[in-house]
Amino acid sequence: LIETHGRKDTEEQIKDLEFVPLLPISYKDRTFYEVNVKAI
């Protein structure tokens, strides 16, 4: 998981790195995404 906060320099660095997909969790009719411990 990485939080770029919209910072272009940070976003530029992550494009060549592999991501483990986040874990979607439904709560109060909305979907949130957290660290996917099992997948990692």
PDB file of all heavy atoms in Angstrom:
ATOM      1  N   LEU A   1       0.854  -1.184   0.000  1.00  0.00           N
ATOM      2  CA  LEU A   1       0.000   0.000   0.000  1.00  0.00           C
ATOM      3  C   LEU A   1       0.892   1.236   0.000  1.00  0.00           C
ATOM      4  O   LEU A   1       1.880   1.289   0.718  1.00  0.00           O
ATOM      5  CB  LEU A   1      -0.916   0.035   1.227  1.00  0.00           C
ATOM      6  CG  LEU A   1      -1.895   1.222   1.278  1.00  0.00           C
ATOM      7  CD1 LEU A   1      -3.259   0.773   1.808  1.00  0.00           C
ATOM      8  CD2 LEU A   1      -1.358   2.372   2.118  1.00  0.00           C
ATOM      9  N   ILE A   2       0.540   2.203  -0.816  1.00  0.00           N
ATOM     10  CA  ILE A   2       1.279   3.471  -0.850  1.00  0.00           C
ATOM     11  C   ILE A   2       0.295   4.619  -0.953  1.00  0.00           C
ATOM     12  O   ILE A   2      -0.721   4.522  -1.638  1.00  0.00           O
ATOM     13  CB  ILE A   2       2.292   3.499  -2.030  1.00  0.00           C
ATOM     14  CG1 ILE A   2       3.432   4.485  -1.729  1.00  0.00           C
ATOM     15  CG2 ILE A   2       1.628   3.819  -3.348  1.00  0.00           C
ATOM     16  CD1 ILE A   2       4.457   3.954  -0.787  1.00  0.00           C
ATOM     17  N   GLU A   3       0.558   5.696  -0.235  1.00  0.00           N
ATOM     18  CA  GLU A   3      -0.275   6.895  -0.305  1.00  0.00           C
ATOM     19  C   GLU A   3       0.541   7.992  -0.976  1.00  0.00           C
ATOM     20  O   GLU A   3       1.503   8.493  -0.390  1.00  0.00           O
ATOM     21  CB  GLU A   3      -0.702   7.339   1.106  1.00  0.00           C
ATOM     22  CG  GLU A   3      -1.647   6.377   1.807  1.00  0.00           C
ATOM     23  CD  GLU A   3      -3.061   6.420   1.265  1.00  0.00           C
ATOM     24  OE1 GLU A   3      -3.325   7.215   0.330  1.00  0.00           O
ATOM     25  OE2 GLU A   3      -3.903   5.655   1.761  1.00  0.00           O
ATOM     26  N   THR A   4       0.183   8.348  -2.194  1.00  0.00           N
ATOM     27  CA  THR A   4       0.939   9.378  -2.912  1.00  0.00           C
ATOM     28  C   THR A   4       0.420  10.778  -2.608  1.00  0.00           C
ATOM     29  O   THR A   4       1.129  11.765  -2.817  1.00  0.00           O
ATOM     30  CB  THR A   4       0.866   9.155  -4.430  1.00  0.00           C
ATOM     31  OG1 THR A   4      -0.488   9.355  -4.867  1.00  0.00           O
ATOM     32  CG2 THR A   4       1.325   7.756  -4.800  1.00  0.00           C
ATOM     33  N   HIS A   5      -0.832  10.870  -2.123  1.00  0.00           N
ATOM     34  CA  HIS A   5      -1.476  12.168  -1.848  1.00  0.00           C
ATOM     35  C   HIS A   5      -1.413  13.102  -3.063  1.00  0.00           C
ATOM     36  O   HIS A   5      -1.314  14.324  -2.919  1.00  0.00           O
ATOM     37  CB  HIS A   5      -0.829  12.842  -0.631  1.00  0.00           C
ATOM     38  CG  HIS A   5      -0.957  12.033   0.632  1.00  0.00           C
ATOM     39  ND1 HIS A   5      -2.153  11.888   1.309  1.00  0.00           N
ATOM     40  CD2 HIS A   5      -0.035  11.306   1.323  1.00  0.00           C
ATOM     41  CE1 HIS A   5      -1.959  11.120   2.376  1.00  0.00           C
ATOM     42  NE2 HIS A   5      -0.696  10.761   2.398  1.00  0.00           N
ATOM     43  N   GLY A   6      -1.420  12.478  -4.254  1.00  0.00           N
ATOM     44  CA  GLY A   6      -1.415  13.279  -5.482  1.00  0.00           C
ATOM     45  C   GLY A   6      -0.087  13.940  -5.803  1.00  0.00           C
ATOM     46  O   GLY A   6      -0.010  14.796  -6.690  1.00  0.00           O
ATOM     47  N   ARG A   7       0.989  13.543  -5.093  1.00  0.00           N
ATOM     48  CA  ARG A   7       2.296  14.158  -5.334  1.00  0.00           C
ATOM     49  C   ARG A   7       2.947  13.506  -6.556  1.00  0.00           C
ATOM     50  O   ARG A   7       3.194  12.304  -6.575  1.00  0.00           O
ATOM     51  CB  ARG A   7       3.178  14.007  -4.095  1.00  0.00           C
ATOM     52  CG  ARG A   7       2.620  14.748  -2.888  1.00  0.00           C
ATOM     53  CD  ARG A   7       3.264  14.336  -1.581  1.00  0.00           C
ATOM     54  NE  ARG A   7       2.489  14.826  -0.439  1.00  0.00           N
ATOM     55  CZ  ARG A   7       2.561  14.331   0.784  1.00  0.00           C
ATOM     56  NH1 ARG A   7       3.367  13.313   1.039  1.00  0.00           N
ATOM     57  NH2 ARG A   7       1.828  14.836   1.757  1.00  0.00           N
ATOM     58  N   LYS A   8       3.230  14.316  -7.572  1.00  0.00           N
ATOM     59  CA  LYS A   8       3.711  13.795  -8.858  1.00  0.00           C
ATOM     60  C   LYS A   8       5.044  13.069  -8.731  1.00  0.00           C
ATOM     61  O   LYS A   8       5.263  12.037  -9.366  1.00  0.00           O
ATOM     62  CB  LYS A   8       3.824  14.939  -9.865  1.00  0.00           C
ATOM     63  CG  LYS A   8       2.462  15.507 -10.277  1.00  0.00           C
ATOM     64  CD  LYS A   8       2.603  16.646 -11.272  1.00  0.00           C
ATOM     65  CE  LYS A   8       1.233  17.203 -11.661  1.00  0.00           C
ATOM     66  NZ  LYS A   8       1.336  18.350 -12.596  1.00  0.00           N
ATOM     67  N   ASP A   9       5.958  13.611  -7.930  1.00  0.00           N
ATOM     68  CA  ASP A   9       7.273  12.965  -7.765  1.00  0.00           C
ATOM     69  C   ASP A   9       7.121  11.555  -7.198  1.00  0.00           C
ATOM     70  O   ASP A   9       7.812  10.624  -7.618  1.00  0.00           O
ATOM     71  CB  ASP A   9       8.162  13.794  -6.819  1.00  0.00           C
ATOM     72  CG  ASP A   9       8.601  15.103  -7.456  1.00  0.00           C
ATOM     73  OD1 ASP A   9       8.461  15.241  -8.679  1.00  0.00           O
ATOM     74  OD2 ASP A   9       9.092  15.986  -6.717  1.00  0.00           O
ATOM     75  N   THR A  10       6.205  11.421  -6.229  1.00  0.00           N
ATOM     76  CA  THR A  10       5.971  10.109  -5.611  1.00  0.00           C
ATOM     77  C   THR A  10       5.317   9.155  -6.602  1.00  0.00           C
ATOM     78  O   THR A  10       5.708   7.984  -6.715  1.00  0.00           O
ATOM     79  CB  THR A  10       5.079  10.257  -4.362  1.00  0.00           C
ATOM     80  OG1 THR A  10       5.668  11.212  -3.476  1.00  0.00           O
ATOM     81  CG2 THR A  10       4.933   8.941  -3.638  1.00  0.00           C
ATOM     82  N   GLU A  11       4.331   9.645  -7.348  1.00  0.00           N
ATOM     83  CA  GLU A  11       3.635   8.813  -8.340  1.00  0.00           C
ATOM     84  C   GLU A  11       4.595   8.326  -9.426  1.00  0.00           C
ATOM     85  O   GLU A  11       4.460   7.213  -9.929  1.00  0.00           O
ATOM     86  CB  GLU A  11       2.480   9.599  -8.956  1.00  0.00           C
ATOM     87  CG  GLU A  11       1.321   9.817  -7.980  1.00  0.00           C
ATOM     88  CD  GLU A  11       0.252  10.733  -8.538  1.00  0.00           C
ATOM     89  OE1 GLU A  11       0.487  11.351  -9.604  1.00  0.00           O
ATOM     90  OE2 GLU A  11      -0.825  10.857  -7.902  1.00  0.00           O
ATOM     91  N   GLU A  12       5.559   9.143  -9.779  1.00  0.00           N
ATOM     92  CA  GLU A  12       6.523   8.784 -10.821  1.00  0.00           C
ATOM     93  C   GLU A  12       7.381   7.596 -10.384  1.00  0.00           C
ATOM     94  O   GLU A  12       7.755   6.753 -11.199  1.00  0.00           O
ATOM     95  CB  GLU A  12       7.426   9.999 -11.115  1.00  0.00           C
ATOM     96  CG  GLU A  12       8.384   9.822 -12.282  1.00  0.00           C
ATOM     97  CD  GLU A  12       7.680   9.675 -13.638  1.00  0.00           C
ATOM     98  OE1 GLU A  12       6.526  10.146 -13.778  1.00  0.00           O
ATOM     99  OE2 GLU A  12       8.294   9.070 -14.538  1.00  0.00           O
ATOM    100  N   GLN A  13       7.654   7.512  -9.077  1.00  0.00           N
ATOM    101  CA  GLN A  13       8.533   6.449  -8.579  1.00  0.00           C
ATOM    102  C   GLN A  13       7.882   5.077  -8.557  1.00  0.00           C
ATOM    103  O   GLN A  13       8.572   4.067  -8.657  1.00  0.00           O
ATOM    104  CB  GLN A  13       9.009   6.795  -7.158  1.00  0.00           C
ATOM    105  CG  GLN A  13      10.080   7.870  -7.107  1.00  0.00           C
ATOM    106  CD  GLN A  13      10.546   8.064  -5.668  1.00  0.00           C
ATOM    107  OE1 GLN A  13       9.772   8.392  -4.796  1.00  0.00           O
ATOM    108  NE2 GLN A  13      11.820   7.842  -5.444  1.00  0.00           N
ATOM    109  N   ILE A  14       6.560   5.030  -8.403  1.00  0.00           N
ATOM    110  CA  ILE A  14       5.925   3.728  -8.160  1.00  0.00           C
ATOM    111  C   ILE A  14       5.520   2.984  -9.431  1.00  0.00           C
ATOM    112  O   ILE A  14       5.136   1.826  -9.374  1.00  0.00           O
ATOM    113  CB  ILE A  14       4.676   3.878  -7.255  1.00  0.00           C
ATOM    114  CG1 ILE A  14       3.611   4.732  -7.937  1.00  0.00           C
ATOM    115  CG2 ILE A  14       5.051   4.445  -5.910  1.00  0.00           C
ATOM    116  CD1 ILE A  14       2.310   4.828  -7.157  1.00  0.00           C
ATOM    117  N   LYS A  15       5.628   3.640 -10.577  1.00  0.00           N
ATOM    118  CA  LYS A  15       5.067   3.034 -11.793  1.00  0.00           C
ATOM    119  C   LYS A  15       5.782   1.746 -12.208  1.00  0.00           C
ATOM    120  O   LYS A  15       5.194   0.900 -12.876  1.00  0.00           O
ATOM    121  CB  LYS A  15       5.082   4.038 -12.939  1.00  0.00           C
ATOM    122  CG  LYS A  15       6.465   4.510 -13.357  1.00  0.00           C
ATOM    123  CD  LYS A  15       6.368   5.540 -14.467  1.00  0.00           C
ATOM    124  CE  LYS A  15       7.749   5.985 -14.941  1.00  0.00           C
ATOM    125  NZ  LYS A  15       7.670   7.006 -15.990  1.00  0.00           N
ATOM    126  N   ASP A  16       7.048   1.575 -11.823  1.00  0.00           N
ATOM    127  CA  ASP A  16       7.800   0.386 -12.235  1.00  0.00           C
ATOM    128  C   ASP A  16       7.818  -0.712 -11.179  1.00  0.00           C
ATOM    129  O   ASP A  16       8.496  -1.728 -11.349  1.00  0.00           O
ATOM    130  CB  ASP A  16       9.243   0.776 -12.582  1.00  0.00           C
ATOM    131  CG  ASP A  16       9.305   1.685 -13.804  1.00  0.00           C
ATOM    132  OD1 ASP A  16       8.449   1.517 -14.695  1.00  0.00           O
ATOM    133  OD2 ASP A  16      10.187   2.557 -13.850  1.00  0.00           O
ATOM    134  N   LEU A  17       7.080  -0.509 -10.077  1.00  0.00           N
ATOM    135  CA  LEU A  17       7.083  -1.505  -9.001  1.00  0.00           C
ATOM    136  C   LEU A  17       5.796  -2.325  -9.024  1.00  0.00           C
ATOM    137  O   LEU A  17       4.720  -1.823  -9.352  1.00  0.00           O
ATOM    138  CB  LEU A  17       7.229  -0.819  -7.637  1.00  0.00           C
ATOM    139  CG  LEU A  17       8.614  -0.210  -7.342  1.00  0.00           C
ATOM    140  CD1 LEU A  17       8.541   0.696  -6.122  1.00  0.00           C
ATOM    141  CD2 LEU A  17       9.655  -1.298  -7.126  1.00  0.00           C
ATOM    142  N   GLU A  18       5.909  -3.597  -8.661  1.00  0.00           N
ATOM    143  CA  GLU A  18       4.751  -4.489  -8.622  1.00  0.00           C
ATOM    144  C   GLU A  18       3.870  -4.172  -7.407  1.00  0.00           C
ATOM    145  O   GLU A  18       4.363  -3.878  -6.327  1.00  0.00           O
ATOM    146  CB  GLU A  18       5.234  -5.940  -8.534  1.00  0.00           C
ATOM    147  CG  GLU A  18       4.107  -6.967  -8.451  1.00  0.00           C
ATOM    148  CD  GLU A  18       4.618  -8.367  -8.154  1.00  0.00           C
ATOM    149  OE1 GLU A  18       5.817  -8.649  -8.397  1.00  0.00           O
ATOM    150  OE2 GLU A  18       3.809  -9.176  -7.664  1.00  0.00           O
ATOM    151  N   PHE A  19       2.556  -4.236  -7.604  1.00  0.00           N
ATOM    152  CA  PHE A  19       1.582  -4.016  -6.532  1.00  0.00           C
ATOM    153  C   PHE A  19       0.890  -5.325  -6.172  1.00  0.00           C
ATOM    154  O   PHE A  19       0.541  -6.104  -7.059  1.00  0.00           O
ATOM    155  CB  PHE A  19       0.502  -3.024  -6.974  1.00  0.00           C
ATOM    156  CG  PHE A  19       0.900  -1.584  -6.859  1.00  0.00           C
ATOM    157  CD1 PHE A  19       1.733  -1.007  -7.805  1.00  0.00           C
ATOM    158  CD2 PHE A  19       0.441  -0.799  -5.808  1.00  0.00           C
ATOM    159  CE1 PHE A  19       2.089   0.320  -7.712  1.00  0.00           C
ATOM    160  CE2 PHE A  19       0.797   0.529  -5.711  1.00  0.00           C
ATOM    161  CZ  PHE A  19       1.621   1.099  -6.661  1.00  0.00           C
ATOM    162  N   VAL A  20       0.671  -5.538  -4.881  1.00  0.00           N
ATOM    163  CA  VAL A  20      -0.242  -6.593  -4.447  1.00  0.00           C
ATOM    164  C   VAL A  20      -1.615  -5.927  -4.337  1.00  0.00           C
ATOM    165  O   VAL A  20      -1.749  -4.923  -3.634  1.00  0.00           O
ATOM    166  CB  VAL A  20       0.168  -7.181  -3.083  1.00  0.00           C
ATOM    167  CG1 VAL A  20      -0.901  -8.161  -2.589  1.00  0.00           C
ATOM    168  CG2 VAL A  20       1.518  -7.875  -3.182  1.00  0.00           C
ATOM    169  N   PRO A  21      -2.629  -6.426  -5.034  1.00  0.00           N
ATOM    170  CA  PRO A  21      -3.948  -5.772  -5.014  1.00  0.00           C
ATOM    171  C   PRO A  21      -4.471  -5.588  -3.592  1.00  0.00           C
ATOM    172  O   PRO A  21      -4.307  -6.462  -2.740  1.00  0.00           O
ATOM    173  CB  PRO A  21      -4.836  -6.736  -5.810  1.00  0.00           C
ATOM    174  CG  PRO A  21      -3.887  -7.506  -6.664  1.00  0.00           C
ATOM    175  CD  PRO A  21      -2.620  -7.633  -5.868  1.00  0.00           C
ATOM    176  N   LEU A  22      -5.091  -4.446  -3.338  1.00  0.00           N
ATOM    177  CA  LEU A  22      -5.666  -4.174  -2.024  1.00  0.00           C
ATOM    178  C   LEU A  22      -6.917  -5.018  -1.786  1.00  0.00           C
ATOM    179  O   LEU A  22      -7.519  -5.526  -2.728  1.00  0.00           O
ATOM    180  CB  LEU A  22      -6.020  -2.686  -1.913  1.00  0.00           C
ATOM    181  CG  LEU A  22      -4.837  -1.715  -1.953  1.00  0.00           C
ATOM    182  CD1 LEU A  22      -5.333  -0.274  -2.020  1.00  0.00           C
ATOM    183  CD2 LEU A  22      -3.933  -1.893  -0.742  1.00  0.00           C
ATOM    184  N   LEU A  23      -7.282  -5.150  -0.526  1.00  0.00           N
ATOM    185  CA  LEU A  23      -8.447  -5.946  -0.155  1.00  0.00           C
ATOM    186  C   LEU A  23      -9.680  -5.038  -0.062  1.00  0.00           C
ATOM    187  O   LEU A  23      -9.723  -4.128   0.770  1.00  0.00           O
ATOM    188  CB  LEU A  23      -8.204  -6.621   1.205  1.00  0.00           C
ATOM    189  CG  LEU A  23      -9.351  -7.464   1.765  1.00  0.00           C
ATOM    190  CD1 LEU A  23      -9.579  -8.699   0.904  1.00  0.00           C
ATOM    191  CD2 LEU A  23      -9.066  -7.859   3.210  1.00  0.00           C
ATOM    192  N   PRO A  24     -10.705  -5.252  -0.920  1.00  0.00           N
ATOM    193  CA  PRO A  24     -11.934  -4.429  -0.835  1.00  0.00           C
ATOM    194  C   PRO A  24     -12.809  -4.876   0.336  1.00  0.00           C
ATOM    195  O   PRO A  24     -13.023  -6.072   0.541  1.00  0.00           O
ATOM    196  CB  PRO A  24     -12.619  -4.697  -2.176  1.00  0.00           C
ATOM    197  CG  PRO A  24     -12.104  -6.024  -2.626  1.00  0.00           C
ATOM    198  CD  PRO A  24     -10.743  -6.216  -2.026  1.00  0.00           C
ATOM    199  N   ILE A  25     -13.285  -3.919   1.121  1.00  0.00           N
ATOM    200  CA  ILE A  25     -14.162  -4.220   2.260  1.00  0.00           C
ATOM    201  C   ILE A  25     -15.382  -3.301   2.185  1.00  0.00           C
ATOM    202  O   ILE A  25     -15.238  -2.075   2.098  1.00  0.00           O
ATOM    203  CB  ILE A  25     -13.425  -4.023   3.606  1.00  0.00           C
ATOM    204  CG1 ILE A  25     -12.233  -4.988   3.711  1.00  0.00           C
ATOM    205  CG2 ILE A  25     -14.383  -4.232   4.786  1.00  0.00           C
ATOM    206  CD1 ILE A  25     -11.385  -4.788   4.950  1.00  0.00           C
ATOM    207  N   SER A  26     -16.561  -3.887   2.210  1.00  0.00           N
ATOM    208  CA  SER A  26     -17.798  -3.097   2.158  1.00  0.00           C
ATOM    209  C   SER A  26     -18.213  -2.682   3.556  1.00  0.00           C
ATOM    210  O   SER A  26     -18.237  -3.498   4.481  1.00  0.00           O
ATOM    211  CB  SER A  26     -18.925  -3.918   1.520  1.00  0.00           C
ATOM    212  OG  SER A  26     -18.607  -4.212   0.182  1.00  0.00           O
ATOM    213  N   TYR A  27     -18.558  -1.403   3.695  1.00  0.00           N
ATOM    214  CA  TYR A  27     -18.999  -0.882   4.988  1.00  0.00           C
ATOM    215  C   TYR A  27     -19.945   0.283   4.741  1.00  0.00           C
ATOM    216  O   TYR A  27     -19.590   1.257   4.073  1.00  0.00           O
ATOM    217  CB  TYR A  27     -17.787  -0.436   5.820  1.00  0.00           C
ATOM    218  CG  TYR A  27     -18.156   0.133   7.169  1.00  0.00           C
ATOM    219  CD1 TYR A  27     -18.694  -0.668   8.170  1.00  0.00           C
ATOM    220  CD2 TYR A  27     -17.949   1.487   7.440  1.00  0.00           C
ATOM    221  CE1 TYR A  27     -19.030  -0.147   9.409  1.00  0.00           C
ATOM    222  CE2 TYR A  27     -18.281   2.025   8.691  1.00  0.00           C
ATOM    223  CZ  TYR A  27     -18.822   1.200   9.668  1.00  0.00           C
ATOM    224  OH  TYR A  27     -19.153   1.721  10.892  1.00  0.00           O
ATOM    225  N   LYS A  28     -21.174   0.169   5.254  1.00  0.00           N
ATOM    226  CA  LYS A  28     -22.196   1.211   5.106  1.00  0.00           C
ATOM    227  C   LYS A  28     -22.387   1.620   3.643  1.00  0.00           C
ATOM    228  O   LYS A  28     -22.305   2.794   3.289  1.00  0.00           O
ATOM    229  CB  LYS A  28     -21.845   2.424   5.971  1.00  0.00           C
ATOM    230  CG  LYS A  28     -21.940   2.149   7.471  1.00  0.00           C
ATOM    231  CD  LYS A  28     -21.720   3.411   8.297  1.00  0.00           C
ATOM    232  CE  LYS A  28     -21.915   3.107   9.781  1.00  0.00           C
ATOM    233  NZ  LYS A  28     -21.696   4.311  10.631  1.00  0.00           N
ATOM    234  N   ASP A  29     -22.569   0.604   2.801  1.00  0.00           N
ATOM    235  CA  ASP A  29     -22.857   0.803   1.378  1.00  0.00           C
ATOM    236  C   ASP A  29     -21.716   1.475   0.613  1.00  0.00           C
ATOM    237  O   ASP A  29     -21.929   2.027  -0.473  1.00  0.00           O
ATOM    238  CB  ASP A  29     -24.143   1.619   1.184  1.00  0.00           C
ATOM    239  CG  ASP A  29     -25.348   0.921   1.785  1.00  0.00           C
ATOM    240  OD1 ASP A  29     -25.404  -0.317   1.694  1.00  0.00           O
ATOM    241  OD2 ASP A  29     -26.211   1.617   2.358  1.00  0.00           O
ATOM    242  N   ARG A  30     -20.530   1.440   1.175  1.00  0.00           N
ATOM    243  CA  ARG A  30     -19.359   1.974   0.470  1.00  0.00           C
ATOM    244  C   ARG A  30     -18.261   0.915   0.464  1.00  0.00           C
ATOM    245  O   ARG A  30     -18.227   0.022   1.313  1.00  0.00           O
ATOM    246  CB  ARG A  30     -18.833   3.240   1.157  1.00  0.00           C
ATOM    247  CG  ARG A  30     -19.738   4.458   0.993  1.00  0.00           C
ATOM    248  CD  ARG A  30     -19.132   5.663   1.695  1.00  0.00           C
ATOM    249  NE  ARG A  30     -17.825   6.000   1.159  1.00  0.00           N
ATOM    250  CZ  ARG A  30     -16.972   6.848   1.734  1.00  0.00           C
ATOM    251  NH1 ARG A  30     -17.298   7.430   2.875  1.00  0.00           N
ATOM    252  NH2 ARG A  30     -15.809   7.122   1.171  1.00  0.00           N
ATOM    253  N   THR A  31     -17.355   1.021  -0.499  1.00  0.00           N
ATOM    254  CA  THR A  31     -16.242   0.074  -0.577  1.00  0.00           C
ATOM    255  C   THR A  31     -14.950   0.785  -0.187  1.00  0.00           C
ATOM    256  O   THR A  31     -14.615   1.842  -0.736  1.00  0.00           O
ATOM    257  CB  THR A  31     -16.102  -0.504  -1.991  1.00  0.00           C
ATOM    258  OG1 THR A  31     -17.326  -1.180  -2.338  1.00  0.00           O
ATOM    259  CG2 THR A  31     -14.954  -1.506  -2.057  1.00  0.00           C
ATOM    260  N   PHE A  32     -14.253   0.198   0.768  1.00  0.00           N
ATOM    261  CA  PHE A  32     -12.960   0.718   1.218  1.00  0.00           C
ATOM    262  C   PHE A  32     -11.881  -0.304   0.852  1.00  0.00           C
ATOM    263  O   PHE A  32     -12.171  -1.480   0.645  1.00  0.00           O
ATOM    264  CB  PHE A  32     -12.977   0.958   2.727  1.00  0.00           C
ATOM    265  CG  PHE A  32     -13.975   1.995   3.163  1.00  0.00           C
ATOM    266  CD1 PHE A  32     -15.314   1.645   3.386  1.00  0.00           C
ATOM    267  CD2 PHE A  32     -13.601   3.311   3.354  1.00  0.00           C
ATOM    268  CE1 PHE A  32     -16.248   2.586   3.785  1.00  0.00           C
ATOM    269  CE2 PHE A  32     -14.529   4.267   3.754  1.00  0.00           C
ATOM    270  CZ  PHE A  32     -15.849   3.904   3.969  1.00  0.00           C
ATOM    271  N   TYR A  33     -10.647   0.155   0.795  1.00  0.00           N
ATOM    272  CA  TYR A  33      -9.540  -0.730   0.403  1.00  0.00           C
ATOM    273  C   TYR A  33      -8.444  -0.702   1.467  1.00  0.00           C
ATOM    274  O   TYR A  33      -7.966   0.366   1.846  1.00  0.00           O
ATOM    275  CB  TYR A  33      -8.976  -0.305  -0.956  1.00  0.00           C
ATOM    276  CG  TYR A  33      -9.976  -0.477  -2.077  1.00  0.00           C
ATOM    277  CD1 TYR A  33     -10.858   0.547  -2.402  1.00  0.00           C
ATOM    278  CD2 TYR A  33     -10.060  -1.682  -2.772  1.00  0.00           C
ATOM    279  CE1 TYR A  33     -11.798   0.389  -3.402  1.00  0.00           C
ATOM    280  CE2 TYR A  33     -11.005  -1.856  -3.781  1.00  0.00           C
ATOM    281  CZ  TYR A  33     -11.871  -0.819  -4.094  1.00  0.00           C
ATOM    282  OH  TYR A  33     -12.801  -0.992  -5.092  1.00  0.00           O
ATOM    283  N   GLU A  34      -8.111  -1.897   1.934  1.00  0.00           N
ATOM    284  CA  GLU A  34      -7.093  -2.023   2.977  1.00  0.00           C
ATOM    285  C   GLU A  34      -5.979  -2.964   2.514  1.00  0.00           C
ATOM    286  O   GLU A  34      -6.091  -3.610   1.465  1.00  0.00           O
ATOM    287  CB  GLU A  34      -7.721  -2.569   4.274  1.00  0.00           C
ATOM    288  CG  GLU A  34      -8.825  -1.710   4.871  1.00  0.00           C
ATOM    289  CD  GLU A  34      -8.306  -0.421   5.491  1.00  0.00           C
ATOM    290  OE1 GLU A  34      -7.084  -0.159   5.439  1.00  0.00           O
ATOM    291  OE2 GLU A  34      -9.126   0.349   6.031  1.00  0.00           O
ATOM    292  N   VAL A  35      -4.897  -3.023   3.318  1.00  0.00           N
ATOM    293  CA  VAL A  35      -3.774  -3.917   3.021  1.00  0.00           C
ATOM    294  C   VAL A  35      -4.280  -5.363   2.969  1.00  0.00           C
ATOM    295  O   VAL A  35      -4.977  -5.816   3.883  1.00  0.00           O
ATOM    296  CB  VAL A  35      -2.673  -3.786   4.089  1.00  0.00           C
ATOM    297  CG1 VAL A  35      -1.604  -4.858   3.908  1.00  0.00           C
ATOM    298  CG2 VAL A  35      -2.044  -2.398   4.035  1.00  0.00           C
ATOM    299  N   ASN A  36      -3.914  -6.077   1.910  1.00  0.00           N
ATOM    300  CA  ASN A  36      -4.356  -7.469   1.739  1.00  0.00           C
ATOM    301  C   ASN A  36      -3.301  -8.407   2.333  1.00  0.00           C
ATOM    302  O   ASN A  36      -2.415  -8.902   1.633  1.00  0.00           O
ATOM    303  CB  ASN A  36      -4.565  -7.762   0.252  1.00  0.00           C
ATOM    304  CG  ASN A  36      -5.386  -9.020   0.030  1.00  0.00           C
ATOM    305  OD1 ASN A  36      -5.371  -9.927   0.852  1.00  0.00           O
ATOM    306  ND2 ASN A  36      -6.102  -9.080  -1.085  1.00  0.00           N
ATOM    307  N   VAL A  37      -3.395  -8.600   3.642  1.00  0.00           N
ATOM    308  CA  VAL A  37      -2.379  -9.377   4.369  1.00  0.00           C
ATOM    309  C   VAL A  37      -2.263 -10.798   3.813  1.00  0.00           C
ATOM    310  O   VAL A  37      -1.158 -11.306   3.578  1.00  0.00           O
ATOM    311  CB  VAL A  37      -2.708  -9.417   5.882  1.00  0.00           C
ATOM    312  CG1 VAL A  37      -1.709 -10.295   6.628  1.00  0.00           C
ATOM    313  CG2 VAL A  37      -2.718  -8.000   6.454  1.00  0.00           C
ATOM    314  N   LYS A  38      -3.392 -11.444   3.589  1.00  0.00           N
ATOM    315  CA  LYS A  38      -3.386 -12.836   3.093  1.00  0.00           C
ATOM    316  C   LYS A  38      -2.696 -12.929   1.735  1.00  0.00           C
ATOM    317  O   LYS A  38      -1.851 -13.810   1.518  1.00  0.00           O
ATOM    318  CB  LYS A  38      -4.825 -13.354   2.995  1.00  0.00           C
ATOM    319  CG  LYS A  38      -4.910 -14.811   2.566  1.00  0.00           C
ATOM    320  CD  LYS A  38      -6.363 -15.275   2.467  1.00  0.00           C
ATOM    321  CE  LYS A  38      -6.435 -16.718   1.986  1.00  0.00           C
ATOM    322  NZ  LYS A  38      -7.837 -17.156   1.793  1.00  0.00           N
ATOM    323  N   ALA A  39      -3.032 -12.003   0.828  1.00  0.00           N
ATOM    324  CA  ALA A  39      -2.426 -12.028  -0.511  1.00  0.00           C
ATOM    325  C   ALA A  39      -0.925 -11.756  -0.448  1.00  0.00           C
ATOM    326  O   ALA A  39      -0.148 -12.340  -1.213  1.00  0.00           O
ATOM    327  CB  ALA A  39      -3.114 -10.995  -1.408  1.00  0.00           C
ATOM    328  N   ILE A  40      -0.506 -10.882   0.457  1.00  0.00           N
ATOM    329  CA  ILE A  40       0.929 -10.570   0.607  1.00  0.00           C
ATOM    330  C   ILE A  40       1.690 -11.794   1.088  1.00  0.00           C
ATOM    331  O   ILE A  40       2.750 -12.136   0.563  1.00  0.00           O
ATOM    332  CB  ILE A  40       1.122  -9.387   1.586  1.00  0.00           C
ATOM    333  CG1 ILE A  40       0.629  -8.091   0.941  1.00  0.00           C
ATOM    334  CG2 ILE A  40       2.593  -9.248   1.992  1.00  0.00           C
ATOM    335  CD1 ILE A  40       0.497  -6.929   1.911  1.00  0.00           C
TER     336      ILE A  40
END
